[in-house]
Structure formats: structure tokens, C-alpha cells
Amino acid sequence: VDALSRLPNRRALDEALSRMSGTFAIAMIDIDHFKQFNDTHGHDAGDKVLYAVAQQLRQTSGARAFRYGGEEFCLVFPGWRARDAEGACEETRKRVESTRVRIRSAPAKRRQGQAVRKIDAADVHVTISIGIAMRDARSETVGEVLKTADQALYRAKSKGRNRVVSK
């Protein structure tokens, strides 16, 4: 289990996928502009956002959520087709977009002779991009499905982010 997100980690994902057979869908999720968020608000705020997103992913209908690494997550939909997973992922995307996370921004760097700005609490929100791929009994290894879902994720990002793209 990943200590920060409280989701099963990448190793748990690999173990779960090694036992998968038949039809299933995989969704790869990335928090949009997360590096910029961390640079602006600090890593403590970024950690709060990672946790908040993970909790929303955990609620995705029919899926098991995993922390893939960094700001990436994975949803596995056993027995689901990609078009069915797409609807569940769209609901999750909307939930994440409407989630507000209370953070305290990192203090500004002190310049000689200048006062440090007051640290204020604020509600922030983030968006996610999602790429989905499917495996059925006739085609694709688990590794190929992951790669295809990752390619769909990058298509979602290239189309403007904050969207779901299915293979």
C-alpha cells in the first residue's frame, strides 16, 4: 500500500494484473499540470492533492484503484469493456474537477530587506486526464493493454487535458 495515497501500489497492481484473464479495461490517470502545481504551492500541498485525488479514484464504480507512481494512477475494471469503463471514468473526472482541497501555499522566498508574505489557506482544485484501453480473451497481453492505455492518456493530454480518451 502506498503510504501517501493509501491505495495499493505499483507492485500490487503488477500482482493483480498477473492474475487477470478474459476481458478487462485499464484506465491510466494523470493529474494535469501537477509539476507546476507543486512548484507554485509546494510539495506538502501537492501531497494533499494526491491524497484527495486518490480518494475520488477509490470511489470509481466497478474499478480497483492503484497508485502507479508520481502523479499517475491506474484503475482496473475486471470484466468491463472500454466503452463501459469510459462512463465510470467520466463520472470520476467530474468528481475530481469539483473537489476542493484546502491547502496552505508555500511561503515566498525571502529577498534581502523584504518581509515574507503571510501564508494563507486556500481551496484549490485540479483536473485529471484519463486514457482507457481494453483486453479481451482474443487480444493483447496485459503489458500491451497498459501501454495502449498510456497512449490514450497522452492523447487526452494532447487534446487539452481534463478529459477521458478511450482506445
N, C-alpha and C. Protein backbone atom coordinates (compact mmCIF):
# COMPACT_ATOMS: atom_id res chain seq x y z
N VAL A 1 0.85 -1.18 0.00
CA VAL A 1 0.00 0.00 0.00
C VAL A 1 0.89 1.24 0.00
N ASP A 2 0.56 2.18 -0.86
CA ASP A 2 1.28 3.45 -0.93
C ASP A 2 0.93 4.28 0.30
N ALA A 3 1.94 4.73 1.03
CA ALA A 3 1.73 5.43 2.29
C ALA A 3 1.01 6.77 2.10
N LEU A 4 1.27 7.47 1.03
CA LEU A 4 0.68 8.78 0.82
C LEU A 4 -0.79 8.71 0.40
N SER A 5 -1.07 7.93 -0.63
CA SER A 5 -2.42 7.88 -1.19
C SER A 5 -3.33 6.88 -0.48
N ARG A 6 -2.74 5.94 0.24
CA ARG A 6 -3.46 4.85 0.90
C ARG A 6 -4.09 3.89 -0.11
N LEU A 7 -3.60 3.92 -1.35
CA LEU A 7 -4.05 2.98 -2.38
C LEU A 7 -3.02 1.87 -2.53
N PRO A 8 -3.42 0.73 -3.06
CA PRO A 8 -2.42 -0.28 -3.40
C PRO A 8 -1.39 0.33 -4.35
N ASN A 9 -0.13 -0.10 -4.22
CA ASN A 9 0.95 0.49 -5.00
C ASN A 9 1.18 -0.24 -6.33
N ARG A 10 2.23 0.17 -7.03
CA ARG A 10 2.53 -0.40 -8.35
C ARG A 10 2.80 -1.89 -8.27
N ARG A 11 3.47 -2.34 -7.23
CA ARG A 11 3.72 -3.77 -7.07
C ARG A 11 2.41 -4.55 -6.93
N ALA A 12 1.48 -4.01 -6.16
CA ALA A 12 0.17 -4.64 -6.01
C ALA A 12 -0.57 -4.66 -7.35
N LEU A 13 -0.42 -3.60 -8.14
CA LEU A 13 -1.02 -3.57 -9.47
C LEU A 13 -0.45 -4.67 -10.34
N ASP A 14 0.88 -4.77 -10.36
CA ASP A 14 1.52 -5.82 -11.17
C ASP A 14 1.04 -7.21 -10.77
N GLU A 15 0.92 -7.44 -9.46
CA GLU A 15 0.45 -8.74 -8.98
C GLU A 15 -1.00 -8.99 -9.38
N ALA A 16 -1.84 -7.96 -9.26
CA ALA A 16 -3.26 -8.10 -9.64
C ALA A 16 -3.38 -8.37 -11.13
N LEU A 17 -2.62 -7.66 -11.94
CA LEU A 17 -2.69 -7.83 -13.39
C LEU A 17 -2.17 -9.20 -13.83
N SER A 18 -1.20 -9.73 -13.10
CA SER A 18 -0.66 -11.05 -13.46
C SER A 18 -1.71 -12.15 -13.29
N ARG A 19 -2.72 -11.89 -12.46
CA ARG A 19 -3.78 -12.87 -12.23
C ARG A 19 -5.02 -12.63 -13.11
N MET A 20 -4.99 -11.56 -13.90
CA MET A 20 -6.16 -11.20 -14.72
C MET A 20 -6.24 -12.09 -15.96
N SER A 21 -7.45 -12.41 -16.34
CA SER A 21 -7.69 -13.13 -17.59
C SER A 21 -9.00 -12.64 -18.17
N GLY A 22 -9.26 -12.99 -19.41
CA GLY A 22 -10.51 -12.58 -20.03
C GLY A 22 -10.54 -11.09 -20.31
N THR A 23 -11.74 -10.57 -20.30
CA THR A 23 -11.95 -9.16 -20.63
C THR A 23 -11.76 -8.28 -19.41
N PHE A 24 -11.06 -7.18 -19.60
CA PHE A 24 -10.94 -6.15 -18.57
C PHE A 24 -10.50 -4.85 -19.23
N ALA A 25 -10.76 -3.76 -18.55
CA ALA A 25 -10.32 -2.45 -19.02
C ALA A 25 -9.36 -1.87 -18.00
N ILE A 26 -8.42 -1.08 -18.51
CA ILE A 26 -7.47 -0.37 -17.67
C ILE A 26 -7.53 1.11 -18.02
N ALA A 27 -7.57 1.95 -16.99
CA ALA A 27 -7.53 3.39 -17.18
C ALA A 27 -6.27 3.93 -16.52
N MET A 28 -5.50 4.69 -17.28
CA MET A 28 -4.34 5.38 -16.74
C MET A 28 -4.76 6.83 -16.48
N ILE A 29 -4.42 7.35 -15.31
CA ILE A 29 -4.84 8.69 -14.89
C ILE A 29 -3.62 9.51 -14.51
N ASP A 30 -3.63 10.77 -14.94
CA ASP A 30 -2.55 11.70 -14.62
C ASP A 30 -3.18 13.00 -14.12
N ILE A 31 -2.64 13.55 -13.03
CA ILE A 31 -3.10 14.85 -12.55
C ILE A 31 -2.51 15.92 -13.47
N ASP A 32 -3.39 16.73 -14.04
CA ASP A 32 -2.96 17.75 -15.01
C ASP A 32 -2.10 18.82 -14.35
N HIS A 33 -1.00 19.15 -15.01
CA HIS A 33 -0.09 20.24 -14.61
C HIS A 33 0.38 20.10 -13.16
N PHE A 34 0.64 18.87 -12.72
CA PHE A 34 0.97 18.66 -11.32
C PHE A 34 2.33 19.23 -10.94
N LYS A 35 3.31 19.16 -11.82
CA LYS A 35 4.63 19.74 -11.52
C LYS A 35 4.50 21.25 -11.28
N GLN A 36 3.74 21.91 -12.13
CA GLN A 36 3.51 23.33 -11.97
C GLN A 36 2.79 23.62 -10.64
N PHE A 37 1.83 22.76 -10.28
CA PHE A 37 1.13 22.92 -9.00
C PHE A 37 2.12 22.83 -7.85
N ASN A 38 2.98 21.81 -7.87
CA ASN A 38 3.98 21.65 -6.81
C ASN A 38 4.93 22.84 -6.75
N ASP A 39 5.35 23.32 -7.91
CA ASP A 39 6.26 24.46 -7.95
C ASP A 39 5.61 25.71 -7.37
N THR A 40 4.31 25.86 -7.58
CA THR A 40 3.59 27.03 -7.11
C THR A 40 3.23 26.93 -5.63
N HIS A 41 2.71 25.79 -5.21
CA HIS A 41 2.14 25.66 -3.87
C HIS A 41 2.99 24.85 -2.89
N GLY A 42 3.99 24.15 -3.38
CA GLY A 42 4.85 23.36 -2.51
C GLY A 42 4.43 21.89 -2.46
N HIS A 43 5.37 21.06 -2.03
CA HIS A 43 5.14 19.61 -2.03
C HIS A 43 4.13 19.16 -0.98
N ASP A 44 4.03 19.87 0.13
CA ASP A 44 3.02 19.49 1.13
C ASP A 44 1.62 19.65 0.55
N ALA A 45 1.40 20.74 -0.17
CA ALA A 45 0.11 20.95 -0.83
C ALA A 45 -0.10 19.89 -1.91
N GLY A 46 0.97 19.57 -2.64
CA GLY A 46 0.87 18.52 -3.66
C GLY A 46 0.50 17.19 -3.06
N ASP A 47 1.03 16.87 -1.89
CA ASP A 47 0.70 15.63 -1.21
C ASP A 47 -0.79 15.59 -0.84
N LYS A 48 -1.34 16.73 -0.40
CA LYS A 48 -2.77 16.78 -0.07
C LYS A 48 -3.62 16.53 -1.32
N VAL A 49 -3.18 17.09 -2.44
CA VAL A 49 -3.92 16.89 -3.69
C VAL A 49 -3.85 15.43 -4.12
N LEU A 50 -2.67 14.82 -4.03
CA LEU A 50 -2.53 13.40 -4.39
C LEU A 50 -3.49 12.55 -3.56
N TYR A 51 -3.55 12.82 -2.28
CA TYR A 51 -4.44 12.06 -1.40
C TYR A 51 -5.90 12.28 -1.79
N ALA A 52 -6.28 13.54 -2.04
CA ALA A 52 -7.68 13.85 -2.39
C ALA A 52 -8.08 13.18 -3.70
N VAL A 53 -7.20 13.20 -4.69
CA VAL A 53 -7.49 12.55 -5.97
C VAL A 53 -7.62 11.04 -5.76
N ALA A 54 -6.72 10.47 -4.98
CA ALA A 54 -6.77 9.02 -4.72
C ALA A 54 -8.10 8.63 -4.09
N GLN A 55 -8.61 9.46 -3.19
CA GLN A 55 -9.88 9.12 -2.54
C GLN A 55 -11.05 9.17 -3.52
N GLN A 56 -10.99 10.07 -4.48
CA GLN A 56 -12.02 10.11 -5.52
C GLN A 56 -11.91 8.90 -6.45
N LEU A 57 -10.68 8.51 -6.79
CA LEU A 57 -10.49 7.35 -7.65
C LEU A 57 -10.98 6.08 -6.97
N ARG A 58 -10.79 5.99 -5.68
CA ARG A 58 -11.23 4.83 -4.90
C ARG A 58 -12.74 4.61 -5.05
N GLN A 59 -13.49 5.67 -5.29
CA GLN A 59 -14.95 5.60 -5.39
C GLN A 59 -15.45 5.27 -6.80
N THR A 60 -14.55 5.04 -7.75
CA THR A 60 -14.97 4.76 -9.12
C THR A 60 -15.72 3.44 -9.19
N SER A 61 -16.90 3.50 -9.74
CA SER A 61 -17.76 2.33 -9.85
C SER A 61 -17.10 1.21 -10.65
N GLY A 62 -17.07 0.01 -10.07
CA GLY A 62 -16.58 -1.18 -10.77
C GLY A 62 -15.08 -1.30 -10.91
N ALA A 63 -14.32 -0.37 -10.31
CA ALA A 63 -12.87 -0.34 -10.51
C ALA A 63 -12.12 -0.53 -9.21
N ARG A 64 -10.91 -0.98 -9.36
CA ARG A 64 -9.95 -1.02 -8.26
C ARG A 64 -8.86 -0.02 -8.59
N ALA A 65 -8.60 0.91 -7.67
CA ALA A 65 -7.64 1.99 -7.90
C ALA A 65 -6.26 1.62 -7.35
N PHE A 66 -5.22 2.07 -8.05
CA PHE A 66 -3.83 1.84 -7.67
C PHE A 66 -3.04 3.14 -7.87
N ARG A 67 -2.02 3.34 -7.05
CA ARG A 67 -1.05 4.42 -7.30
C ARG A 67 0.00 3.83 -8.22
N TYR A 68 0.14 4.41 -9.40
CA TYR A 68 1.09 3.92 -10.39
C TYR A 68 2.48 4.48 -10.12
N GLY A 69 2.55 5.74 -9.74
CA GLY A 69 3.82 6.39 -9.44
C GLY A 69 3.69 7.88 -9.69
N GLY A 70 4.42 8.70 -8.93
CA GLY A 70 4.34 10.14 -9.12
C GLY A 70 2.91 10.61 -9.01
N GLU A 71 2.46 11.33 -10.05
CA GLU A 71 1.07 11.81 -10.07
C GLU A 71 0.19 10.94 -10.96
N GLU A 72 0.63 9.72 -11.22
CA GLU A 72 -0.14 8.80 -12.06
C GLU A 72 -0.80 7.71 -11.23
N PHE A 73 -2.01 7.38 -11.65
CA PHE A 73 -2.80 6.34 -11.02
C PHE A 73 -3.33 5.39 -12.09
N CYS A 74 -3.85 4.27 -11.65
CA CYS A 74 -4.41 3.29 -12.58
C CYS A 74 -5.71 2.74 -11.99
N LEU A 75 -6.70 2.57 -12.85
CA LEU A 75 -7.94 1.91 -12.46
C LEU A 75 -8.06 0.64 -13.27
N VAL A 76 -8.41 -0.45 -12.62
CA VAL A 76 -8.61 -1.73 -13.30
C VAL A 76 -10.07 -2.10 -13.15
N PHE A 77 -10.69 -2.43 -14.29
CA PHE A 77 -12.11 -2.78 -14.36
C PHE A 77 -12.24 -4.24 -14.79
N PRO A 78 -12.22 -5.19 -13.86
CA PRO A 78 -12.34 -6.61 -14.24
C PRO A 78 -13.69 -6.89 -14.92
N GLY A 79 -13.64 -7.55 -16.07
CA GLY A 79 -14.85 -7.94 -16.77
C GLY A 79 -15.52 -6.81 -17.55
N TRP A 80 -14.95 -5.62 -17.53
CA TRP A 80 -15.56 -4.47 -18.21
C TRP A 80 -14.94 -4.25 -19.58
N ARG A 81 -15.74 -3.70 -20.47
CA ARG A 81 -15.27 -3.26 -21.77
C ARG A 81 -14.91 -1.77 -21.66
N ALA A 82 -14.07 -1.31 -22.57
CA ALA A 82 -13.60 0.08 -22.53
C ALA A 82 -14.75 1.08 -22.56
N ARG A 83 -15.75 0.82 -23.40
CA ARG A 83 -16.85 1.80 -23.51
C ARG A 83 -17.63 1.91 -22.20
N ASP A 84 -17.71 0.82 -21.43
CA ASP A 84 -18.39 0.87 -20.14
C ASP A 84 -17.53 1.59 -19.10
N ALA A 85 -16.24 1.33 -19.12
CA ALA A 85 -15.32 1.99 -18.20
C ALA A 85 -15.26 3.49 -18.47
N GLU A 86 -15.47 3.87 -19.71
CA GLU A 86 -15.42 5.29 -20.08
C GLU A 86 -16.44 6.11 -19.29
N GLY A 87 -17.65 5.59 -19.14
CA GLY A 87 -18.68 6.30 -18.37
C GLY A 87 -18.30 6.45 -16.91
N ALA A 88 -17.79 5.39 -16.31
CA ALA A 88 -17.37 5.45 -14.91
C ALA A 88 -16.21 6.44 -14.74
N CYS A 89 -15.30 6.44 -15.69
CA CYS A 89 -14.16 7.36 -15.63
C CYS A 89 -14.60 8.81 -15.81
N GLU A 90 -15.56 9.04 -16.67
CA GLU A 90 -16.07 10.41 -16.86
C GLU A 90 -16.70 10.92 -15.56
N GLU A 91 -17.44 10.07 -14.87
CA GLU A 91 -18.02 10.47 -13.58
C GLU A 91 -16.90 10.81 -12.57
N THR A 92 -15.87 10.00 -12.55
CA THR A 92 -14.75 10.25 -11.65
C THR A 92 -14.04 11.54 -12.02
N ARG A 93 -13.83 11.77 -13.31
CA ARG A 93 -13.18 13.01 -13.77
C ARG A 93 -13.96 14.22 -13.28
N LYS A 94 -15.28 14.18 -13.39
CA LYS A 94 -16.12 15.29 -12.93
C LYS A 94 -16.02 15.48 -11.42
N ARG A 95 -15.99 14.36 -10.68
CA ARG A 95 -15.87 14.45 -9.21
C ARG A 95 -14.56 15.10 -8.82
N VAL A 96 -13.46 14.68 -9.47
CA VAL A 96 -12.16 15.27 -9.16
C VAL A 96 -12.17 16.76 -9.48
N GLU A 97 -12.71 17.12 -10.63
CA GLU A 97 -12.75 18.52 -11.05
C GLU A 97 -13.51 19.39 -10.04
N SER A 98 -14.53 18.85 -9.41
CA SER A 98 -15.33 19.63 -8.47
C SER A 98 -14.82 19.54 -7.03
N THR A 99 -13.85 18.69 -6.78
CA THR A 99 -13.29 18.55 -5.43
C THR A 99 -12.41 19.75 -5.09
N ARG A 100 -12.64 20.30 -3.93
CA ARG A 100 -11.81 21.40 -3.43
C ARG A 100 -10.92 20.87 -2.33
N VAL A 101 -9.66 21.23 -2.40
CA VAL A 101 -8.69 20.79 -1.40
C VAL A 101 -8.16 22.02 -0.68
N ARG A 102 -8.23 22.03 0.64
CA ARG A 102 -7.74 23.14 1.45
C ARG A 102 -6.23 22.99 1.61
N ILE A 103 -5.49 23.99 1.15
CA ILE A 103 -4.03 23.95 1.26
C ILE A 103 -3.51 25.25 1.85
N ARG A 104 -2.28 25.19 2.26
CA ARG A 104 -1.53 26.39 2.64
C ARG A 104 -0.38 26.47 1.65
N SER A 105 -0.31 27.54 0.90
CA SER A 105 0.74 27.70 -0.09
C SER A 105 2.10 27.83 0.58
N ALA A 106 3.13 27.44 -0.14
CA ALA A 106 4.49 27.57 0.36
C ALA A 106 4.82 29.05 0.48
N PRO A 107 5.58 29.43 1.51
CA PRO A 107 5.94 30.84 1.66
C PRO A 107 6.84 31.29 0.51
N ALA A 108 6.72 32.56 0.15
CA ALA A 108 7.59 33.13 -0.88
C ALA A 108 9.01 33.14 -0.36
N LYS A 109 9.97 33.02 -1.27
CA LYS A 109 11.37 33.08 -0.88
C LYS A 109 11.69 34.50 -0.40
N ARG A 110 12.36 34.58 0.71
CA ARG A 110 12.68 35.88 1.31
C ARG A 110 13.80 36.54 0.52
N ARG A 111 13.56 37.77 0.15
CA ARG A 111 14.59 38.56 -0.51
C ARG A 111 15.12 39.54 0.51
N GLN A 112 16.37 39.91 0.34
CA GLN A 112 17.01 40.80 1.31
C GLN A 112 16.18 42.07 1.51
N GLY A 113 15.86 42.35 2.77
CA GLY A 113 15.14 43.57 3.10
C GLY A 113 13.63 43.50 2.89
N GLN A 114 13.11 42.37 2.43
CA GLN A 114 11.67 42.26 2.20
C GLN A 114 11.05 41.32 3.23
N ALA A 115 9.86 41.63 3.59
CA ALA A 115 9.13 40.77 4.52
C ALA A 115 8.64 39.53 3.79
N VAL A 116 8.50 38.45 4.55
CA VAL A 116 7.95 37.22 4.00
C VAL A 116 6.43 37.37 3.97
N ARG A 117 5.81 36.99 2.84
CA ARG A 117 4.35 37.13 2.76
C ARG A 117 3.67 36.17 3.72
N LYS A 118 2.53 36.57 4.15
CA LYS A 118 1.71 35.75 5.05
C LYS A 118 1.26 34.49 4.30
N ILE A 119 1.27 33.37 4.99
CA ILE A 119 0.82 32.11 4.40
C ILE A 119 -0.69 32.00 4.63
N ASP A 120 -1.43 31.99 3.54
CA ASP A 120 -2.88 31.90 3.63
C ASP A 120 -3.35 30.52 3.21
N ALA A 121 -4.44 30.09 3.82
CA ALA A 121 -5.08 28.85 3.38
C ALA A 121 -6.00 29.18 2.22
N ALA A 122 -6.10 28.26 1.31
CA ALA A 122 -6.97 28.46 0.14
C ALA A 122 -7.52 27.11 -0.30
N ASP A 123 -8.66 27.17 -0.97
CA ASP A 123 -9.21 25.98 -1.60
C ASP A 123 -8.73 25.96 -3.05
N VAL A 124 -8.19 24.84 -3.46
CA VAL A 124 -7.73 24.68 -4.84
C VAL A 124 -8.43 23.48 -5.44
N HIS A 125 -8.39 23.41 -6.75
CA HIS A 125 -8.89 22.21 -7.42
C HIS A 125 -7.92 21.87 -8.53
N VAL A 126 -7.95 20.61 -8.90
CA VAL A 126 -7.13 20.12 -10.01
C VAL A 126 -8.02 19.33 -10.95
N THR A 127 -7.49 19.02 -12.11
CA THR A 127 -8.18 18.18 -13.06
C THR A 127 -7.30 16.98 -13.39
N ILE A 128 -7.92 15.99 -13.98
CA ILE A 128 -7.19 14.79 -14.38
C ILE A 128 -7.48 14.47 -15.84
N SER A 129 -6.52 13.81 -16.46
CA SER A 129 -6.69 13.25 -17.79
C SER A 129 -6.67 11.74 -17.66
N ILE A 130 -7.48 11.07 -18.49
CA ILE A 130 -7.64 9.62 -18.37
C ILE A 130 -7.56 8.97 -19.75
N GLY A 131 -6.77 7.91 -19.86
CA GLY A 131 -6.71 7.10 -21.07
C GLY A 131 -7.13 5.68 -20.75
N ILE A 132 -7.98 5.10 -21.60
CA ILE A 132 -8.56 3.77 -21.33
C ILE A 132 -8.24 2.82 -22.48
N ALA A 133 -7.92 1.59 -22.12
CA ALA A 133 -7.75 0.51 -23.10
C ALA A 133 -8.39 -0.74 -22.54
N MET A 134 -8.64 -1.70 -23.43
CA MET A 134 -9.35 -2.92 -23.04
C MET A 134 -8.59 -4.15 -23.51
N ARG A 135 -8.69 -5.20 -22.72
CA ARG A 135 -8.20 -6.52 -23.13
C ARG A 135 -9.41 -7.44 -23.18
N ASP A 136 -9.44 -8.23 -24.22
CA ASP A 136 -10.45 -9.28 -24.23
C ASP A 136 -9.74 -10.62 -24.40
N ALA A 137 -10.49 -11.68 -24.39
CA ALA A 137 -9.91 -13.03 -24.41
C ALA A 137 -9.13 -13.30 -25.70
N ARG A 138 -9.38 -12.53 -26.74
CA ARG A 138 -8.74 -12.80 -28.03
C ARG A 138 -7.48 -11.98 -28.29
N SER A 139 -7.27 -10.88 -27.55
CA SER A 139 -6.18 -9.99 -27.96
C SER A 139 -5.48 -9.31 -26.79
N GLU A 140 -4.27 -8.97 -27.02
CA GLU A 140 -3.42 -8.14 -26.19
C GLU A 140 -3.02 -8.73 -24.84
N THR A 141 -1.73 -8.62 -24.58
CA THR A 141 -1.21 -9.00 -23.27
C THR A 141 -1.50 -7.87 -22.30
N VAL A 142 -1.34 -8.14 -21.02
CA VAL A 142 -1.55 -7.11 -20.00
C VAL A 142 -0.62 -5.93 -20.26
N GLY A 143 0.62 -6.21 -20.59
CA GLY A 143 1.59 -5.14 -20.87
C GLY A 143 1.17 -4.28 -22.05
N GLU A 144 0.61 -4.91 -23.07
CA GLU A 144 0.14 -4.14 -24.24
C GLU A 144 -1.06 -3.27 -23.88
N VAL A 145 -1.93 -3.79 -23.02
CA VAL A 145 -3.10 -3.01 -22.60
C VAL A 145 -2.64 -1.79 -21.81
N LEU A 146 -1.69 -1.97 -20.89
CA LEU A 146 -1.15 -0.84 -20.13
C LEU A 146 -0.54 0.20 -21.07
N LYS A 147 0.23 -0.27 -22.03
CA LYS A 147 0.87 0.65 -22.99
C LYS A 147 -0.18 1.39 -23.81
N THR A 148 -1.21 0.70 -24.25
CA THR A 148 -2.27 1.32 -25.04
C THR A 148 -3.04 2.34 -24.19
N ALA A 149 -3.31 2.01 -22.93
CA ALA A 149 -3.98 2.96 -22.04
C ALA A 149 -3.11 4.20 -21.82
N ASP A 150 -1.82 4.00 -21.69
CA ASP A 150 -0.89 5.12 -21.53
C ASP A 150 -0.89 6.00 -22.79
N GLN A 151 -0.92 5.38 -23.97
CA GLN A 151 -1.00 6.14 -25.21
C GLN A 151 -2.31 6.94 -25.29
N ALA A 152 -3.40 6.34 -24.84
CA ALA A 152 -4.68 7.05 -24.81
C ALA A 152 -4.62 8.22 -23.83
N LEU A 153 -3.93 8.04 -22.70
CA LEU A 153 -3.74 9.12 -21.74
C LEU A 153 -3.02 10.29 -22.40
N TYR A 154 -1.97 10.01 -23.15
CA TYR A 154 -1.23 11.09 -23.80
C TYR A 154 -2.07 11.77 -24.88
N ARG A 155 -2.97 11.03 -25.52
CA ARG A 155 -3.90 11.67 -26.46
C ARG A 155 -4.85 12.61 -25.72
N ALA A 156 -5.31 12.19 -24.54
CA ALA A 156 -6.18 13.06 -23.73
C ALA A 156 -5.45 14.34 -23.36
N LYS A 157 -4.19 14.23 -23.00
CA LYS A 157 -3.41 15.40 -22.63
C LYS A 157 -3.16 16.30 -23.84
N SER A 158 -2.90 15.69 -24.98
CA SER A 158 -2.63 16.50 -26.18
C SER A 158 -3.90 17.18 -26.71
N LYS A 159 -5.06 16.67 -26.34
CA LYS A 159 -6.33 17.27 -26.76
C LYS A 159 -6.79 18.36 -25.80
N GLY A 160 -5.98 18.70 -24.83
CA GLY A 160 -6.32 19.80 -23.93
C GLY A 160 -6.47 19.43 -22.47
N ARG A 161 -6.25 18.18 -22.11
CA ARG A 161 -6.35 17.71 -20.73
C ARG A 161 -7.79 17.76 -20.19
N ASN A 162 -7.96 17.29 -18.94
CA ASN A 162 -9.27 17.25 -18.28
C ASN A 162 -10.31 16.55 -19.14
N ARG A 163 -9.93 15.35 -19.64
CA ARG A 163 -10.84 14.58 -20.47
C ARG A 163 -10.51 13.11 -20.40
N VAL A 164 -11.44 12.29 -20.91
CA VAL A 164 -11.29 10.85 -20.98
C VAL A 164 -11.18 10.47 -22.45
N VAL A 165 -10.14 9.68 -22.79
CA VAL A 165 -9.96 9.19 -24.15
C VAL A 165 -9.83 7.67 -24.09
N SER A 166 -10.59 7.00 -24.91
CA SER A 166 -10.56 5.55 -24.98
C SER A 166 -9.91 5.12 -26.27
N LYS A 167 -9.18 3.98 -26.22
CA LYS A 167 -8.53 3.45 -27.42
C LYS A 167 -9.53 3.19 -28.51
